[in-house]
C-alpha atoms as a PDB file:
ATOM      1  CA  UNK A   1     -29.704  -2.851  32.913  1.00  0.00           C
ATOM      2  CA  UNK A   2     -27.993  -5.806  31.267  1.00  0.00           C
ATOM      3  CA  UNK A   3     -29.769  -5.020  28.010  1.00  0.00           C
ATOM      4  CA  UNK A   4     -28.627  -1.412  28.165  1.00  0.00           C
ATOM      5  CA  UNK A   5     -24.997  -2.381  28.760  1.00  0.00           C
ATOM      6  CA  UNK A   6     -25.180  -4.928  25.939  1.00  0.00           C
ATOM      7  CA  UNK A   7     -26.621  -2.280  23.629  1.00  0.00           C
ATOM      8  CA  UNK A   8     -23.851   0.190  24.448  1.00  0.00           C
ATOM      9  CA  UNK A   9     -21.209  -2.501  24.096  1.00  0.00           C
ATOM     10  CA  UNK A  10     -22.503  -3.388  20.634  1.00  0.00           C
ATOM     11  CA  UNK A  11     -22.669   0.288  19.630  1.00  0.00           C
ATOM     12  CA  UNK A  12     -19.111   0.853  20.816  1.00  0.00           C
ATOM     13  CA  UNK A  13     -17.832  -2.138  18.836  1.00  0.00           C
ATOM     14  CA  UNK A  14     -19.683  -0.988  15.726  1.00  0.00           C
ATOM     15  CA  UNK A  15     -18.500   2.609  15.894  1.00  0.00           C
ATOM     16  CA  UNK A  16     -14.941   2.444  17.207  1.00  0.00           C
ATOM     17  CA  UNK A  17     -12.265   2.258  14.517  1.00  0.00           C
ATOM     18  CA  UNK A  18     -10.839  -1.175  13.883  1.00  0.00           C
ATOM     19  CA  UNK A  19      -7.122  -1.685  13.329  1.00  0.00           C
ATOM     20  CA  UNK A  20      -6.063  -1.683   9.682  1.00  0.00           C
ATOM     21  CA  UNK A  21      -6.059  -5.135   8.099  1.00  0.00           C
ATOM     22  CA  UNK A  22      -3.802  -6.283   5.294  1.00  0.00           C
ATOM     23  CA  UNK A  23      -4.310  -9.087   2.847  1.00  0.00           C
ATOM     24  CA  UNK A  24      -2.708 -10.015  -0.427  1.00  0.00           C
ATOM     25  CA  UNK A  25      -5.003 -11.035  -3.222  1.00  0.00           C
ATOM     26  CA  UNK A  26      -3.437 -11.871  -6.554  1.00  0.00           C
ATOM     27  CA  UNK A  27      -5.611 -10.509  -9.349  1.00  0.00           C
ATOM     28  CA  UNK A  28      -3.695 -12.509 -11.953  1.00  0.00           C
ATOM     29  CA  UNK A  29      -2.519 -16.046 -11.413  1.00  0.00           C
ATOM     30  CA  UNK A  30       1.303 -16.246 -11.315  1.00  0.00           C
ATOM     31  CA  UNK A  31       1.425 -17.990 -14.703  1.00  0.00           C
ATOM     32  CA  UNK A  32      -0.633 -15.144 -16.224  1.00  0.00           C
ATOM     33  CA  UNK A  33       1.478 -12.390 -14.676  1.00  0.00           C
ATOM     34  CA  UNK A  34       4.879 -13.777 -15.618  1.00  0.00           C
ATOM     35  CA  UNK A  35       4.866 -12.258 -19.108  1.00  0.00           C
ATOM     36  CA  UNK A  36       4.620  -8.843 -17.375  1.00  0.00           C
ATOM     37  CA  UNK A  37       7.992  -9.387 -15.669  1.00  0.00           C
ATOM     38  CA  UNK A  38      10.703  -7.647 -17.674  1.00  0.00           C
ATOM     39  CA  UNK A  39      13.502  -9.294 -15.719  1.00  0.00           C
ATOM     40  CA  UNK A  40      13.759 -12.993 -14.948  1.00  0.00           C
ATOM     41  CA  UNK A  41      16.833 -14.572 -13.367  1.00  0.00           C
ATOM     42  CA  UNK A  42      18.071 -17.446 -11.209  1.00  0.00           C
ATOM     43  CA  UNK A  43      20.566 -17.215  -8.380  1.00  0.00           C
ATOM     44  CA  UNK A  44      21.549 -17.577  -4.739  1.00  0.00           C
ATOM     45  CA  UNK A  45      19.742 -15.405  -2.207  1.00  0.00           C
ATOM     46  CA  UNK A  46      22.547 -13.972  -0.087  1.00  0.00           C
ATOM     47  CA  UNK A  47      20.468 -12.093   2.467  1.00  0.00           C
ATOM     48  CA  UNK A  48      17.213 -10.324   3.251  1.00  0.00           C
ATOM     49  CA  UNK A  49      17.318  -6.800   4.659  1.00  0.00           C
ATOM     50  CA  UNK A  50      14.185  -5.337   6.279  1.00  0.00           C
ATOM     51  CA  UNK A  51      13.517  -1.636   6.871  1.00  0.00           C
ATOM     52  CA  UNK A  52      10.033  -0.940   8.163  1.00  0.00           C
ATOM     53  CA  UNK A  53       7.454  -2.275   5.735  1.00  0.00           C
ATOM     54  CA  UNK A  54       9.961  -2.851   2.924  1.00  0.00           C
ATOM     55  CA  UNK A  55      12.422  -5.690   2.352  1.00  0.00           C
ATOM     56  CA  UNK A  56      15.359  -6.081  -0.018  1.00  0.00           C
ATOM     57  CA  UNK A  57      16.666  -9.449  -1.166  1.00  0.00           C
ATOM     58  CA  UNK A  58      20.287  -9.459  -2.306  1.00  0.00           C
ATOM     59  CA  UNK A  59      20.791 -12.171  -4.917  1.00  0.00           C
ATOM     60  CA  UNK A  60      24.004 -13.489  -6.550  1.00  0.00           C
ATOM     61  CA  UNK A  61      22.793 -13.939 -10.131  1.00  0.00           C
ATOM     62  CA  UNK A  62      23.822 -17.112 -11.997  1.00  0.00           C
ATOM     63  CA  UNK A  63      21.588 -17.099 -15.099  1.00  0.00           C
ATOM     64  CA  UNK A  64      19.493 -14.384 -16.748  1.00  0.00           C
ATOM     65  CA  UNK A  65      16.461 -15.325 -18.847  1.00  0.00           C
ATOM     66  CA  UNK A  66      15.020 -11.881 -19.544  1.00  0.00           C
ATOM     67  CA  UNK A  67      16.190  -8.307 -19.039  1.00  0.00           C
ATOM     68  CA  UNK A  68      19.590  -7.025 -17.948  1.00  0.00           C
ATOM     69  CA  UNK A  69      20.960  -7.963 -14.544  1.00  0.00           C
ATOM     70  CA  UNK A  70      24.455  -7.680 -13.086  1.00  0.00           C
ATOM     71  CA  UNK A  71      26.195 -10.319 -10.989  1.00  0.00           C
ATOM     72  CA  UNK A  72      24.437  -9.105  -7.828  1.00  0.00           C
ATOM     73  CA  UNK A  73      20.828  -7.928  -7.864  1.00  0.00           C
ATOM     74  CA  UNK A  74      18.793  -6.155  -5.216  1.00  0.00           C
ATOM     75  CA  UNK A  75      15.113  -7.071  -5.365  1.00  0.00           C
ATOM     76  CA  UNK A  76      12.720  -4.792  -3.467  1.00  0.00           C
ATOM     77  CA  UNK A  77       9.403  -5.979  -2.044  1.00  0.00           C
ATOM     78  CA  UNK A  78       7.020  -5.506   0.870  1.00  0.00           C
ATOM     79  CA  UNK A  79       8.306  -7.110   4.068  1.00  0.00           C
ATOM     80  CA  UNK A  80       5.171  -9.184   4.668  1.00  0.00           C
ATOM     81  CA  UNK A  81       3.389 -11.736   2.550  1.00  0.00           C
ATOM     82  CA  UNK A  82       0.127 -10.256   3.850  1.00  0.00           C
ATOM     83  CA  UNK A  83       0.907  -7.142   1.789  1.00  0.00           C
ATOM     84  CA  UNK A  84       2.146  -9.215  -1.188  1.00  0.00           C
ATOM     85  CA  UNK A  85       5.824  -9.229  -0.188  1.00  0.00           C
ATOM     86  CA  UNK A  86       8.010 -12.130  -1.286  1.00  0.00           C
ATOM     87  CA  UNK A  87       7.964 -15.194   0.928  1.00  0.00           C
ATOM     88  CA  UNK A  88      11.241 -16.837   0.018  1.00  0.00           C
ATOM     89  CA  UNK A  89      13.972 -17.781   2.518  1.00  0.00           C
ATOM     90  CA  UNK A  90      16.775 -15.323   3.289  1.00  0.00           C
ATOM     91  CA  UNK A  91      19.220 -17.850   1.823  1.00  0.00           C
ATOM     92  CA  UNK A  92      19.001 -20.525  -0.851  1.00  0.00           C
ATOM     93  CA  UNK A  93      18.283 -20.522  -4.563  1.00  0.00           C
ATOM     94  CA  UNK A  94      15.399 -18.812  -6.294  1.00  0.00           C
ATOM     95  CA  UNK A  95      13.959 -17.853  -9.655  1.00  0.00           C
ATOM     96  CA  UNK A  96      13.065 -14.163  -9.554  1.00  0.00           C
ATOM     97  CA  UNK A  97      10.379 -12.610 -11.752  1.00  0.00           C
ATOM     98  CA  UNK A  98      10.722  -8.833 -11.386  1.00  0.00           C
ATOM     99  CA  UNK A  99       9.767  -5.549 -12.970  1.00  0.00           C
ATOM    100  CA  UNK A 100      11.868  -2.404 -12.988  1.00  0.00           C
ATOM    101  CA  UNK A 101      10.242   0.648 -11.448  1.00  0.00           C
ATOM    102  CA  UNK A 102      12.052   3.851 -10.561  1.00  0.00           C
ATOM    103  CA  UNK A 103      15.378   2.234 -11.419  1.00  0.00           C
ATOM    104  CA  UNK A 104      14.837  -0.624  -8.963  1.00  0.00           C
ATOM    105  CA  UNK A 105      13.917  -4.262  -9.418  1.00  0.00           C
ATOM    106  CA  UNK A 106      10.630  -5.024  -7.671  1.00  0.00           C
ATOM    107  CA  UNK A 107       8.919  -8.354  -7.152  1.00  0.00           C
ATOM    108  CA  UNK A 108       5.888  -9.513  -5.219  1.00  0.00           C
ATOM    109  CA  UNK A 109       4.176 -12.637  -3.994  1.00  0.00           C
ATOM    110  CA  UNK A 110       1.954 -12.855  -7.074  1.00  0.00           C
ATOM    111  CA  UNK A 111       4.689 -12.477  -9.679  1.00  0.00           C
ATOM    112  CA  UNK A 112       6.039 -16.019  -9.752  1.00  0.00           C
ATOM    113  CA  UNK A 113       9.263 -15.631  -7.711  1.00  0.00           C
ATOM    114  CA  UNK A 114       9.908 -18.829  -5.774  1.00  0.00           C
ATOM    115  CA  UNK A 115      12.592 -20.985  -4.176  1.00  0.00           C
ATOM    116  CA  UNK A 116      14.070 -23.755  -6.321  1.00  0.00           C
ATOM    117  CA  UNK A 117      17.038 -26.090  -6.320  1.00  0.00           C
ATOM    118  CA  UNK A 118      17.565 -25.792 -10.076  1.00  0.00           C
ATOM    119  CA  UNK A 119      16.062 -23.375 -12.613  1.00  0.00           C
ATOM    120  CA  UNK A 120      13.050 -24.822 -14.437  1.00  0.00           C
ATOM    121  CA  UNK A 121      13.887 -26.247 -17.873  1.00  0.00           C
ATOM    122  CA  UNK A 122      10.962 -24.253 -19.271  1.00  0.00           C
ATOM    123  CA  UNK A 123      13.054 -21.082 -18.886  1.00  0.00           C
ATOM    124  CA  UNK A 124      15.593 -22.315 -21.405  1.00  0.00           C
ATOM    125  CA  UNK A 125      19.362 -22.015 -21.162  1.00  0.00           C
ATOM    126  CA  UNK A 126      19.575 -18.354 -20.238  1.00  0.00           C
ATOM    127  CA  UNK A 127      22.808 -16.358 -20.252  1.00  0.00           C
ATOM    128  CA  UNK A 128      25.333 -15.189 -17.664  1.00  0.00           C
ATOM    129  CA  UNK A 129      24.664 -11.899 -15.868  1.00  0.00           C
ATOM    130  CA  UNK A 130      26.030  -8.632 -17.283  1.00  0.00           C
ATOM    131  CA  UNK A 131      29.583  -7.693 -16.320  1.00  0.00           C
ATOM    132  CA  UNK A 132      28.335  -4.821 -14.163  1.00  0.00           C
ATOM    133  CA  UNK A 133      25.014  -3.827 -12.732  1.00  0.00           C
ATOM    134  CA  UNK A 134      23.470  -1.080 -14.861  1.00  0.00           C
ATOM    135  CA  UNK A 135      23.152   2.233 -13.004  1.00  0.00           C
ATOM    136  CA  UNK A 136      19.752   3.081 -11.625  1.00  0.00           C
ATOM    137  CA  UNK A 137      17.883   5.620 -13.719  1.00  0.00           C
ATOM    138  CA  UNK A 138      16.866   7.509 -10.593  1.00  0.00           C
ATOM    139  CA  UNK A 139      18.342   7.535  -7.105  1.00  0.00           C
ATOM    140  CA  UNK A 140      16.594   5.367  -4.559  1.00  0.00           C
ATOM    141  CA  UNK A 141      14.237   7.327  -2.345  1.00  0.00           C
ATOM    142  CA  UNK A 142      15.229   7.547   1.319  1.00  0.00           C
ATOM    143  CA  UNK A 143      11.782   6.324   2.335  1.00  0.00           C
ATOM    144  CA  UNK A 144       9.659   4.054   0.174  1.00  0.00           C
ATOM    145  CA  UNK A 145       6.289   5.330  -0.978  1.00  0.00           C
ATOM    146  CA  UNK A 146       3.383   4.068   1.113  1.00  0.00           C
ATOM    147  CA  UNK A 147       1.593   1.016  -0.134  1.00  0.00           C
ATOM    148  CA  UNK A 148      -1.943   1.498  -1.492  1.00  0.00           C
ATOM    149  CA  UNK A 149      -3.271  -0.232   1.634  1.00  0.00           C
ATOM    150  CA  UNK A 150      -1.526   2.357   3.821  1.00  0.00           C
ATOM    151  CA  UNK A 151      -3.203   5.172   1.886  1.00  0.00           C
ATOM    152  CA  UNK A 152      -6.708   3.731   2.200  1.00  0.00           C
ATOM    153  CA  UNK A 153      -8.934   5.416   4.755  1.00  0.00           C
ATOM    154  CA  UNK A 154      -9.541   3.448   7.926  1.00  0.00           C
ATOM    155  CA  UNK A 155     -13.096   2.299   8.526  1.00  0.00           C
ATOM    156  CA  UNK A 156     -14.648   3.997  11.498  1.00  0.00           C
ATOM    157  CA  UNK A 157     -12.665   7.230  11.225  1.00  0.00           C
ATOM    158  CA  UNK A 158     -14.463   9.885  13.218  1.00  0.00           C
ATOM    159  CA  UNK A 159     -16.567   7.338  15.081  1.00  0.00           C
ATOM    160  CA  UNK A 160     -14.848   7.912  18.417  1.00  0.00           C
ATOM    161  CA  UNK A 161     -16.737  11.158  19.170  1.00  0.00           C
ATOM    162  CA  UNK A 162     -20.025   9.442  18.296  1.00  0.00           C
ATOM    163  CA  UNK A 163     -19.220   6.492  20.567  1.00  0.00           C
ATOM    164  CA  UNK A 164     -18.243   8.861  23.391  1.00  0.00           C
ATOM    165  CA  UNK A 165     -21.549  10.683  23.006  1.00  0.00           C
ATOM    166  CA  UNK A 166     -23.464   7.404  23.226  1.00  0.00           C
ATOM    167  CA  UNK A 167     -21.471   6.434  26.315  1.00  0.00           C
ATOM    168  CA  UNK A 168     -22.227   9.738  28.071  1.00  0.00           C
ATOM    169  CA  UNK A 169     -25.940   9.545  27.185  1.00  0.00           C
ATOM    170  CA  UNK A 170     -26.049   5.926  28.337  1.00  0.00           C
ATOM    171  CA  UNK A 171     -24.416   6.729  31.650  1.00  0.00           C
ATOM    172  CA  UNK A 172     -26.853   9.628  32.087  1.00  0.00           C
ATOM    173  CA  UNK A 173     -29.773   7.270  31.501  1.00  0.00           C
ATOM    174  CA  UNK A 174     -28.390   4.800  34.022  1.00  0.00           C
ATOM    175  CA  UNK A 175     -27.979   7.482  36.684  1.00  0.00           C
ATOM    176  CA  UNK A 176     -31.476   8.819  36.018  1.00  0.00           C
ATOM    177  CA  UNK A 177     -33.052   5.341  36.260  1.00  0.00           C
ATOM    178  CA  UNK A 178     -31.284   4.602  39.559  1.00  0.00           C
ATOM    179  CA  UNK A 179     -32.607   7.790  41.162  1.00  0.00           C
ATOM    180  CA  UNK A 180     -36.224   6.797  40.466  1.00  0.00           C
END
């Protein structure tokens, strides 16, 4: 009987769907990806706003090294480092390496953005931010698109009916054996 229960327990664990797991894996090392960033700037992080799985860092820009940025920039990212979101404090200074997509600045854990006290000398002198933030080319969507991880099928989908069938058959076998 113990063997039978162990067998059904193992079958249930193998067939029931597991919760979705997230992990960030940088394909390119930060130094290799930095040339892909069209916008690089240094400034004070004023705050971090979180809405669901997305986060927005509001940054007071002091120096711009690449691209066009106004005096205040909003940088969009995933809210968790597990899904490659930025892991910088909600206040303090940072160098931001971002790309513009859909009229928004976006940065991730693998792109080189990090907290600093002073901008690295390797960035050069830079220039002040633009007088005004350029308008977004498209309005911001009311809900962010799902991340690729959220669109991936979950392992074990459809396994619940199979596990239930095994459980019913197993219970039937137990009842039959006890009657003998």
